[in-house]
N, C-alpha and C. Protein backbone atom coordinates (compact mmCIF):
# COMPACT_ATOMS: atom_id res chain seq x y z
N UNK A 1 47.64 -24.92 -14.79
CA UNK A 1 46.61 -23.93 -15.38
C UNK A 1 46.37 -24.49 -16.76
N UNK A 2 45.03 -24.19 -17.10
CA UNK A 2 44.55 -24.43 -18.41
C UNK A 2 43.51 -23.42 -18.94
N UNK A 3 43.53 -22.96 -20.14
CA UNK A 3 42.61 -22.08 -20.62
C UNK A 3 41.94 -22.72 -21.82
N UNK A 4 40.66 -22.65 -21.69
CA UNK A 4 39.78 -23.42 -22.74
C UNK A 4 38.71 -22.52 -23.16
N UNK A 5 38.00 -22.95 -24.40
CA UNK A 5 36.92 -22.14 -24.91
C UNK A 5 35.71 -22.59 -24.04
N UNK A 6 34.73 -21.62 -23.83
CA UNK A 6 33.55 -21.79 -23.25
C UNK A 6 32.81 -23.01 -23.76
N UNK A 7 32.39 -24.04 -23.11
CA UNK A 7 31.79 -25.29 -23.62
C UNK A 7 30.45 -25.01 -24.34
N UNK A 8 29.84 -23.74 -24.01
CA UNK A 8 28.63 -23.27 -24.74
C UNK A 8 28.87 -22.91 -26.13
N UNK A 9 28.49 -23.69 -27.17
CA UNK A 9 28.93 -23.39 -28.55
C UNK A 9 28.32 -22.10 -28.88
N UNK A 10 27.01 -21.83 -28.54
CA UNK A 10 26.31 -20.63 -28.95
C UNK A 10 27.03 -19.35 -28.48
N UNK A 11 27.47 -19.40 -27.10
CA UNK A 11 28.18 -18.24 -26.66
C UNK A 11 29.46 -18.05 -27.46
N UNK A 12 30.25 -19.03 -27.80
CA UNK A 12 31.46 -18.94 -28.57
C UNK A 12 31.19 -18.45 -29.92
N UNK A 13 30.13 -18.81 -30.59
CA UNK A 13 29.72 -18.30 -32.01
C UNK A 13 29.44 -16.90 -31.80
N UNK A 14 28.50 -16.40 -30.89
CA UNK A 14 28.22 -15.07 -30.69
C UNK A 14 29.40 -14.17 -30.48
N UNK A 15 30.28 -14.63 -29.64
CA UNK A 15 31.48 -13.81 -29.34
C UNK A 15 32.38 -13.83 -30.42
N UNK A 16 32.69 -14.93 -31.20
CA UNK A 16 33.59 -14.90 -32.19
C UNK A 16 33.06 -14.03 -33.57
N UNK A 17 31.83 -14.11 -33.70
CA UNK A 17 31.22 -13.23 -34.67
C UNK A 17 31.39 -11.60 -34.24
N UNK A 18 31.17 -11.40 -32.94
CA UNK A 18 31.40 -10.10 -32.52
C UNK A 18 32.93 -9.57 -32.76
N UNK A 19 33.87 -10.62 -32.42
CA UNK A 19 35.27 -10.26 -32.65
C UNK A 19 35.47 -9.99 -34.14
N UNK A 20 34.92 -10.78 -35.05
CA UNK A 20 35.16 -10.49 -36.44
C UNK A 20 34.66 -9.11 -36.81
N UNK A 21 33.51 -8.75 -36.26
CA UNK A 21 32.88 -7.48 -36.51
C UNK A 21 33.59 -6.27 -36.11
N UNK A 22 34.39 -6.55 -35.03
CA UNK A 22 35.17 -5.40 -34.25
C UNK A 22 36.70 -5.62 -34.51
N UNK A 23 37.07 -6.30 -35.67
CA UNK A 23 38.54 -6.63 -36.00
C UNK A 23 39.27 -7.09 -34.72
N UNK A 24 38.76 -8.14 -34.05
CA UNK A 24 39.48 -8.67 -32.94
C UNK A 24 39.40 -8.00 -31.53
N UNK A 25 38.70 -6.90 -31.64
CA UNK A 25 38.45 -6.15 -30.21
C UNK A 25 37.24 -6.72 -29.57
N UNK A 26 37.32 -6.89 -28.23
CA UNK A 26 36.25 -7.47 -27.48
C UNK A 26 34.88 -6.84 -27.81
N UNK A 27 34.02 -7.68 -28.19
CA UNK A 27 32.66 -7.19 -28.52
C UNK A 27 31.68 -6.64 -27.36
N UNK A 28 32.33 -7.02 -26.11
CA UNK A 28 31.55 -6.58 -24.98
C UNK A 28 32.04 -5.31 -24.35
N UNK A 29 33.05 -4.73 -25.01
CA UNK A 29 33.55 -3.30 -24.47
C UNK A 29 33.32 -2.36 -25.59
N UNK A 30 33.25 -1.08 -25.22
CA UNK A 30 32.82 -0.01 -26.15
C UNK A 30 34.18 0.52 -26.83
N UNK A 31 35.17 0.73 -25.88
CA UNK A 31 36.50 1.22 -26.45
C UNK A 31 37.30 0.42 -27.35
N UNK A 32 37.74 0.87 -28.33
CA UNK A 32 38.68 0.21 -29.29
C UNK A 32 40.03 0.64 -28.97
N UNK A 33 40.56 -0.09 -27.97
CA UNK A 33 41.90 0.32 -27.57
C UNK A 33 42.72 -1.10 -27.38
N UNK A 34 44.04 -1.00 -27.46
CA UNK A 34 44.74 -2.08 -27.47
C UNK A 34 44.56 -3.10 -26.32
N UNK A 35 44.14 -2.66 -25.10
CA UNK A 35 43.81 -3.33 -24.03
C UNK A 35 42.65 -4.32 -24.07
N UNK A 36 41.72 -3.82 -25.11
CA UNK A 36 40.57 -4.69 -25.32
C UNK A 36 40.67 -5.55 -26.51
N UNK A 37 41.86 -5.74 -27.10
CA UNK A 37 42.08 -6.61 -28.26
C UNK A 37 42.12 -8.02 -27.57
N UNK A 38 41.32 -8.94 -28.29
CA UNK A 38 41.40 -10.32 -27.68
C UNK A 38 42.68 -10.99 -27.83
N UNK A 39 43.06 -11.59 -26.80
CA UNK A 39 42.70 -11.95 -25.42
C UNK A 39 43.15 -10.68 -24.69
N UNK A 40 42.13 -10.15 -24.08
CA UNK A 40 42.32 -8.75 -23.47
C UNK A 40 43.11 -8.59 -22.33
N UNK A 41 43.54 -7.43 -21.97
CA UNK A 41 44.73 -7.22 -20.88
C UNK A 41 44.02 -7.86 -19.61
N UNK A 42 42.87 -7.47 -19.34
CA UNK A 42 42.24 -7.94 -18.07
C UNK A 42 42.31 -9.41 -17.81
N UNK A 43 42.02 -10.31 -18.86
CA UNK A 43 42.18 -11.60 -18.80
C UNK A 43 43.61 -12.31 -18.72
N UNK A 44 44.46 -11.55 -19.47
CA UNK A 44 45.84 -11.85 -19.42
C UNK A 44 46.26 -11.67 -17.94
N UNK A 45 45.98 -10.61 -17.30
CA UNK A 45 46.31 -10.44 -15.97
C UNK A 45 45.70 -11.40 -15.02
N UNK A 46 44.38 -11.82 -15.31
CA UNK A 46 43.79 -12.91 -14.54
C UNK A 46 44.41 -14.12 -14.66
N UNK A 47 44.91 -14.52 -15.88
CA UNK A 47 45.67 -15.74 -16.12
C UNK A 47 46.89 -15.91 -15.38
N UNK A 48 47.59 -14.71 -15.25
CA UNK A 48 48.80 -14.65 -14.44
C UNK A 48 48.65 -14.72 -12.91
N UNK A 49 47.47 -14.48 -12.41
CA UNK A 49 46.95 -14.72 -10.99
C UNK A 49 46.78 -16.33 -10.86
N UNK A 50 47.70 -16.82 -10.02
CA UNK A 50 47.59 -18.33 -9.81
C UNK A 50 46.25 -18.75 -9.07
N UNK A 51 45.71 -17.80 -8.31
CA UNK A 51 44.44 -18.02 -7.52
C UNK A 51 43.26 -17.84 -8.44
N UNK A 52 43.27 -17.24 -9.49
CA UNK A 52 42.16 -16.88 -10.38
C UNK A 52 41.68 -18.12 -11.10
N UNK A 53 40.22 -18.40 -11.11
CA UNK A 53 39.73 -19.48 -11.94
C UNK A 53 38.40 -18.89 -12.26
N UNK A 54 38.23 -18.88 -13.67
CA UNK A 54 36.92 -18.30 -14.10
C UNK A 54 37.02 -17.93 -15.51
N UNK A 55 35.85 -17.36 -16.08
CA UNK A 55 35.76 -16.82 -17.32
C UNK A 55 36.28 -15.46 -17.64
N UNK A 56 36.61 -15.25 -18.82
CA UNK A 56 37.09 -13.83 -19.32
C UNK A 56 35.80 -13.00 -19.26
N UNK A 57 35.95 -11.63 -19.64
CA UNK A 57 34.93 -10.74 -19.63
C UNK A 57 33.74 -11.09 -20.21
N UNK A 58 34.07 -11.51 -21.56
CA UNK A 58 33.01 -11.82 -22.62
C UNK A 58 32.59 -13.42 -22.53
N UNK A 59 33.24 -14.15 -21.72
CA UNK A 59 32.90 -15.56 -21.45
C UNK A 59 33.26 -16.31 -22.55
N UNK A 60 34.16 -15.95 -23.37
CA UNK A 60 34.80 -16.81 -24.40
C UNK A 60 35.67 -17.96 -24.03
N UNK A 61 36.61 -17.33 -22.98
CA UNK A 61 37.61 -18.27 -22.50
C UNK A 61 37.39 -18.51 -20.91
N UNK A 62 37.83 -19.71 -20.55
CA UNK A 62 37.59 -20.24 -19.22
C UNK A 62 39.07 -20.56 -18.67
N UNK A 63 39.68 -20.06 -17.46
CA UNK A 63 40.73 -20.52 -16.89
C UNK A 63 40.59 -21.43 -15.75
N UNK A 64 41.06 -22.63 -15.89
CA UNK A 64 41.05 -23.41 -14.57
C UNK A 64 42.35 -23.56 -14.14
N UNK A 65 42.40 -23.99 -12.89
CA UNK A 65 43.70 -24.06 -12.00
C UNK A 65 44.43 -25.42 -12.32
């Protein structure tokens, strides 16, 4: 398993700027709750699934098998 940043530098910049503006909470989600703190609960659960391969919700991170 490997988790990497999205290779699209513009996506990474936009998401990181959004994270800064929201104090580390996912810029793609409305609720400011602990589950939405980057790296969000949804993606942590996806990482734990050995069969999952793909991007996190905001497309900042990619998990490969």
